Every structure is written in C-alpha cells, then in structure tokens.
Amino acid sequence: MWKPFLATAVAFPLLLSCSSEPIHPSDLSDETSLTQSPENRAIVAGHAFIFPRFDPDNFVRQVDNRFFPLTPGTRWVYKGEEDGEAEVNITIVTHDRKNILGVSAVVVLDRVFAGGELKEKTFDWYAQDTQGNVWYLGENTKEFENGRVVSTEGSWEAGKLGARPGIIMLAHPKVGDRYRQEFLAGEAEDQARVVAVDIDQEPVPYGRFNNCLRTVEFTRLEPGVKEAKIYCPRVGFVRARGVEGPAARLVLTGITHSAR
C-alpha cells in the first residue's frame, strides 16, 4: 500500500540521478547545490533531491512521523479499484520486528483482496531515524491467483543483492522535495516528489482532514505511470489515484486499534 534506495553508513551519501545511476556528491556540477544537514539536499534538475545519511545508530524504536504513524495494532481499511476491478486493501501494523542492517524495523502486513479473494500479501519493513524520517527497508511480497502464489516480483531487502534502503516519508517535507523510496535495480525503483502541503478539507469516507500532504510517485521501470497520494496528520495515507497510466483509486474507509 505504502510504496508505496544506501545499504551501509558511509562517509558520503549517494543520490540517484534521473537515470537511476548512483552519483557521489563530488561529481555534481557547479549548478548543483549541496548542503550537509540532517536532511542532506542537492538541487538536481531544479528539484531538491533529499538523501539523508543511513546510520544504524541513528534510529529510534517507534515510528511516529505525523504523516506516517505506525502504532502496533493499528488497522487501516481502504476501498478502490484498479483496471476496472474493485479491491479492498487491509493494512495492519503488527507487533513483530525485523532486524535489517542493524536496525529494528516495524513489520507491516498489507493484503489486497479482489472479489473476496486474496490477490496480494506483503510484509513491509519500516524504521524511523532520530530526525523523524521514515525509512523503507524492504518488502516480502506475493501475488496470488486461485489461492496459489504466482509471483514474488518486487520483493527486496536492504543490504541484500545490492538493494538499498530508501525514504517512505520525510521528517519535514517541502514542495519540490524528491526522494528515493526503494532501490533494487530492475526490481524496485520507486521515487516520490512532494507537490503540495497544508491541504485542507481533504475528504475520504473515513472523515475529513486538514494540513495534508500530496506526493506523486513514479518509477523508471514503468514509464508513463504516476500515482498521486494524500497523507494526513496522525492518520497517514488516506487517498491514492492514478494521474498517468492505468486508472486506479484507493480511499480510506476505516481505522481500528487493538492491543496485542
């Protein structure tokens, strides 16, 4: 649901160019500005490309980013359609943890149903650094047909087979910010760009929210396909729709909380 790229802490962070090739900050042109801060920023092709440094010692146990809160026991229900087929998406923050690159990640279970049958089942792994950025450390995904697994395409884990962690939500998103969400060459290369902040009166079946954030997500692996997503404070992801490519939509219809 929340798709949704640096495997180890190094002296200098890497960023990803439009061609998805790693670039070292020293290779940037004079027209590219780079600031060293908790959220490193480079101006690439007119966009602020964000690439925080990945440091396993710089993480906290909870994920409480206001646009991406992950409290164990929280359950989101979404309804929508893709390619004309109605879908129900159920996402649960489990009480499980997974150690990835020395970081204890929260395990989130995401299931997609179509016609009452399980279509996709994914375990996503997230962790938050001390600045408040939420990192995406990988996913184990399975697609089903007639109750049988037919594909695991898109699965990846940071630190394995060249996969690198990415950012799923910035601590302080600003319009124009662009960031890599995941990276495993040829398998998982999603990126996102912040296009609007402080959106008020954003309605979905579950409620109406203010001070929301809009991003557009895209990947080199699917040219011409883009998806807009809305995230709202203390709730998280509330709405998605295709803006280029296949028609798709998804809206939040309910949230529940439960103890272990």
Protein backbone atom coordinates (compact mmCIF):
# COMPACT_ATOMS: atom_id res chain seq x y z
CA MET A 1 0.00 0.00 0.00
CA TRP A 2 2.70 2.44 1.03
CA LYS A 3 5.21 2.04 -1.71
CA PRO A 4 4.31 2.65 -1.87
CA PHE A 5 17.20 3.18 -2.03
CA LEU A 6 22.10 3.23 0.86
CA ALA A 7 22.83 -0.04 2.33
CA THR A 8 25.53 0.99 4.81
CA ALA A 9 26.63 4.15 6.56
CA VAL A 10 29.44 5.67 4.50
CA ALA A 11 31.44 8.87 4.65
CA PHE A 12 29.32 10.50 1.96
CA PRO A 13 25.73 9.71 0.98
CA LEU A 14 24.77 8.76 -2.55
CA LEU A 15 21.90 10.18 -4.52
CA LEU A 16 20.09 8.81 -7.52
CA SER A 17 20.04 10.64 -10.83
CA CYS A 18 17.10 10.63 -13.24
CA SER A 19 18.78 7.69 -14.95
CA SER A 20 18.79 5.78 -11.61
CA GLU A 21 22.60 5.63 -11.55
CA PRO A 22 24.29 6.38 -8.20
CA ILE A 23 26.07 9.75 -8.06
CA HIS A 24 28.65 10.83 -5.49
CA PRO A 25 28.25 14.43 -4.24
CA SER A 26 31.74 15.29 -5.56
CA ASP A 27 30.52 14.51 -9.10
CA LEU A 28 27.82 17.17 -9.00
CA SER A 29 28.18 20.18 -11.28
CA ASP A 30 28.64 23.79 -10.17
CA GLU A 31 24.92 24.32 -10.82
CA THR A 32 24.10 21.71 -8.18
CA SER A 33 23.94 22.94 -4.61
CA LEU A 34 24.58 20.55 -1.72
CA THR A 35 24.05 21.27 1.96
CA GLN A 36 25.24 19.00 4.75
CA SER A 37 22.43 18.79 7.31
CA PRO A 38 20.25 16.13 8.97
CA GLU A 39 18.33 16.12 5.68
CA ASN A 40 21.02 16.45 3.01
CA ARG A 41 19.72 18.27 -0.04
CA ALA A 42 21.06 18.57 -3.57
CA ILE A 43 19.42 20.59 -6.34
CA VAL A 44 19.17 18.25 -9.31
CA ALA A 45 17.37 19.38 -12.47
CA GLY A 46 15.59 22.05 -10.46
CA HIS A 47 14.36 19.64 -7.78
CA ALA A 48 15.57 19.33 -4.20
CA PHE A 49 16.75 15.73 -4.02
CA ILE A 50 16.74 14.54 -0.41
CA PHE A 51 19.19 11.86 0.69
CA PRO A 52 19.62 11.54 4.46
CA ARG A 53 22.59 9.51 5.59
CA PHE A 54 21.74 5.97 6.67
CA ASP A 55 23.31 5.31 10.08
CA PRO A 56 22.14 2.24 12.06
CA ASP A 57 22.99 4.06 15.31
CA ASN A 58 20.66 6.93 14.41
CA PHE A 59 17.30 5.17 14.74
CA VAL A 60 14.53 5.10 17.34
CA ARG A 61 12.17 2.23 18.11
CA GLN A 62 8.85 3.98 17.47
CA VAL A 63 7.54 5.33 14.16
CA ASP A 64 5.55 8.46 14.98
CA ASN A 65 6.12 10.68 11.94
CA ARG A 66 2.90 12.75 11.74
CA PHE A 67 2.25 11.73 8.12
CA PHE A 68 3.28 8.08 8.58
CA PRO A 69 2.47 6.89 12.12
CA LEU A 70 2.87 3.16 12.72
CA THR A 71 1.42 2.21 16.09
CA PRO A 72 1.32 -1.58 16.56
CA GLY A 73 -2.26 -2.87 16.44
CA THR A 74 -3.49 -0.16 14.04
CA ARG A 75 -5.60 -1.45 11.14
CA TRP A 76 -6.50 0.61 8.06
CA VAL A 77 -9.16 -0.44 5.53
CA TYR A 78 -9.19 1.02 2.01
CA LYS A 79 -11.51 0.50 -0.91
CA GLY A 80 -10.94 1.29 -4.56
CA GLU A 81 -10.38 -0.18 -7.97
CA GLU A 82 -7.58 -0.93 -10.38
CA ASP A 83 -8.03 -1.69 -14.07
CA GLY A 84 -11.80 -1.70 -13.51
CA GLU A 85 -11.65 -4.32 -10.75
CA ALA A 86 -12.92 -3.47 -7.25
CA GLU A 87 -10.37 -4.02 -4.49
CA VAL A 88 -10.19 -3.94 -0.70
CA ASN A 89 -6.84 -3.19 0.90
CA ILE A 90 -6.30 -4.05 4.59
CA THR A 91 -3.11 -2.87 6.30
CA ILE A 92 -2.09 -3.83 9.85
CA VAL A 93 0.88 -2.68 11.91
CA THR A 94 1.99 -5.90 13.58
CA HIS A 95 3.80 -6.24 16.92
CA ASP A 96 6.64 -8.04 15.13
CA ARG A 97 10.10 -6.59 14.44
CA LYS A 98 12.74 -7.49 11.86
CA ASN A 99 16.45 -6.65 12.11
CA ILE A 100 17.76 -5.17 8.86
CA LEU A 101 21.24 -3.66 8.58
CA GLY A 102 21.41 -3.37 12.34
CA VAL A 103 18.08 -1.55 12.60
CA SER A 104 14.95 -2.93 14.33
CA ALA A 105 12.19 -2.38 11.78
CA VAL A 106 8.42 -2.37 12.29
CA VAL A 107 6.66 -5.14 10.33
CA VAL A 108 3.50 -4.07 8.49
CA LEU A 109 1.15 -6.59 6.88
CA ASP A 110 -0.65 -5.41 3.75
CA ARG A 111 -3.26 -7.53 1.95
CA VAL A 112 -5.21 -6.78 -1.22
CA PHE A 113 -8.49 -8.59 -1.97
CA ALA A 114 -10.45 -8.65 -5.24
CA GLY A 115 -13.82 -10.35 -5.48
CA GLY A 116 -13.33 -11.60 -1.92
CA GLU A 117 -10.16 -13.49 -2.86
CA LEU A 118 -6.64 -12.68 -1.71
CA LYS A 119 -4.78 -11.04 -4.58
CA GLU A 120 -1.58 -9.86 -2.89
CA LYS A 121 0.06 -10.28 0.51
CA THR A 122 3.04 -8.16 1.55
CA PHE A 123 5.17 -7.70 4.65
CA ASP A 124 6.76 -4.23 4.60
CA TRP A 125 9.61 -3.12 6.90
CA TYR A 126 9.92 0.45 8.15
CA ALA A 127 12.05 2.32 10.71
CA GLN A 128 12.37 5.94 11.81
CA ASP A 129 15.60 7.85 12.37
CA THR A 130 16.16 10.39 15.14
CA GLN A 131 15.38 13.28 12.76
CA GLY A 132 11.93 11.79 12.07
CA ASN A 133 12.48 10.43 8.55
CA VAL A 134 10.75 7.09 7.99
CA TRP A 135 12.94 4.65 6.08
CA TYR A 136 11.70 1.85 3.87
CA LEU A 137 13.92 -1.20 4.38
CA GLY A 138 12.23 -3.70 2.11
CA GLU A 139 9.26 -5.93 1.48
CA ASN A 140 8.35 -9.57 1.06
CA THR A 141 5.50 -9.63 -1.44
CA LYS A 142 3.48 -12.44 -3.00
CA GLU A 143 0.83 -12.29 -5.71
CA PHE A 144 -1.93 -14.92 -5.75
CA GLU A 145 -4.20 -16.48 -8.34
CA ASN A 146 -6.79 -19.06 -7.28
CA GLY A 147 -5.17 -19.27 -3.87
CA ARG A 148 -1.69 -20.04 -5.19
CA VAL A 149 1.42 -17.85 -5.26
CA VAL A 150 2.21 -16.88 -8.84
CA SER A 151 4.82 -14.16 -8.32
CA THR A 152 7.17 -12.64 -5.75
CA GLU A 153 8.27 -9.86 -8.10
CA GLY A 154 9.04 -6.62 -6.29
CA SER A 155 10.42 -8.26 -3.15
CA TRP A 156 13.65 -6.80 -1.79
CA GLU A 157 15.57 -6.33 1.44
CA ALA A 158 18.08 -3.55 2.07
CA GLY A 159 21.61 -4.89 2.24
CA LYS A 160 20.93 -7.96 0.11
CA LEU A 161 21.66 -8.41 -3.61
CA GLY A 162 22.54 -4.73 -3.97
CA ALA A 163 19.27 -3.40 -2.51
CA ARG A 164 19.47 -0.09 -0.63
CA PRO A 165 17.12 1.47 1.93
CA GLY A 166 15.02 4.44 0.91
CA ILE A 167 12.74 7.04 2.44
CA ILE A 168 8.98 6.48 2.58
CA MET A 169 8.24 9.77 4.40
CA LEU A 170 10.42 12.78 5.14
CA ALA A 171 10.51 14.37 8.58
CA HIS A 172 9.89 17.84 7.15
CA PRO A 173 8.53 17.52 3.59
CA LYS A 174 8.58 20.64 1.41
CA VAL A 175 7.11 21.26 -2.03
CA GLY A 176 9.63 20.21 -4.66
CA ASP A 177 11.40 17.66 -2.46
CA ARG A 178 12.19 14.44 -4.30
CA TYR A 179 13.42 11.24 -2.72
CA ARG A 180 14.14 7.62 -3.50
CA GLN A 181 11.72 5.24 -1.76
CA GLU A 182 13.41 1.95 -2.61
CA PHE A 183 16.14 0.52 -4.79
CA LEU A 184 16.89 -2.88 -6.17
CA ALA A 185 18.00 -2.46 -9.77
CA GLY A 186 15.37 -3.66 -12.21
CA GLU A 187 13.05 -4.78 -9.42
CA ALA A 188 12.18 -1.90 -7.09
CA GLU A 189 12.98 1.69 -8.09
CA ASP A 190 10.13 3.85 -6.79
CA GLN A 191 10.65 7.57 -6.24
CA ALA A 192 8.37 10.31 -4.90
CA ARG A 193 8.06 14.09 -5.18
CA VAL A 194 6.21 16.42 -2.81
CA VAL A 195 3.77 18.53 -4.85
CA ALA A 196 1.57 20.19 -2.19
CA VAL A 197 1.47 20.79 1.56
CA ASP A 198 -1.08 22.22 4.01
CA ILE A 199 -4.04 20.86 2.04
CA ASP A 200 -7.31 21.48 3.93
CA GLN A 201 -10.71 19.83 3.75
CA GLU A 202 -9.45 16.58 2.25
CA PRO A 203 -12.48 14.25 2.31
CA VAL A 204 -12.49 10.45 2.30
CA PRO A 205 -15.21 8.05 3.54
CA TYR A 206 -13.48 7.78 6.92
CA GLY A 207 -13.51 11.54 7.54
CA ARG A 208 -12.31 14.98 6.50
CA PHE A 209 -8.77 16.14 7.26
CA ASN A 210 -6.68 19.31 7.23
CA ASN A 211 -2.97 20.15 6.83
CA CYS A 212 -2.44 17.21 4.49
CA LEU A 213 0.43 16.39 2.14
CA ARG A 214 0.29 15.35 -1.52
CA THR A 215 3.02 13.39 -3.28
CA VAL A 216 3.40 11.96 -6.77
CA GLU A 217 5.10 8.58 -7.08
CA PHE A 218 6.77 7.13 -10.16
CA THR A 219 9.38 4.62 -11.27
CA ARG A 220 11.76 4.25 -14.18
CA LEU A 221 10.52 0.66 -14.52
CA GLU A 222 7.05 1.85 -15.61
CA PRO A 223 7.45 4.97 -17.77
CA GLY A 224 4.26 6.97 -18.15
CA VAL A 225 2.73 5.69 -14.90
CA LYS A 226 2.31 8.12 -11.98
CA GLU A 227 0.21 7.98 -8.83
CA ALA A 228 -0.81 10.84 -6.54
CA LYS A 229 -1.13 10.10 -2.81
CA ILE A 230 -2.52 12.10 0.10
CA TYR A 231 -1.16 11.76 3.66
CA CYS A 232 -2.78 13.48 6.65
CA PRO A 233 -1.51 14.23 10.16
CA ARG A 234 -1.86 11.46 12.78
CA VAL A 235 -3.71 9.30 10.24
CA GLY A 236 -1.20 8.61 7.47
CA PHE A 237 -2.13 7.55 3.95
CA VAL A 238 -5.76 8.39 3.09
CA ARG A 239 -6.13 8.51 -0.70
CA ALA A 240 -4.43 7.48 -3.95
CA ARG A 241 -5.31 7.90 -7.61
CA GLY A 242 -3.59 7.33 -10.91
CA VAL A 243 -2.66 10.56 -12.66
CA GLU A 244 -0.89 8.95 -15.61
CA GLY A 245 -1.28 5.44 -16.98
CA PRO A 246 -3.92 2.90 -15.84
CA ALA A 247 -6.92 4.23 -13.94
CA ALA A 248 -6.68 3.42 -10.23
CA ARG A 249 -8.03 4.83 -6.99
CA LEU A 250 -7.97 3.95 -3.30
CA VAL A 251 -9.62 5.70 -0.33
CA LEU A 252 -9.55 5.19 3.43
CA THR A 253 -12.81 3.82 4.80
CA GLY A 254 -11.91 2.89 8.38
CA ILE A 255 -9.29 2.68 11.13
CA THR A 256 -9.33 0.48 14.22
CA HIS A 257 -6.85 -0.08 17.04
CA SER A 258 -6.30 -3.22 19.05
CA ALA A 259 -3.95 -4.45 21.76
CA ARG A 260 -1.67 -7.42 21.28
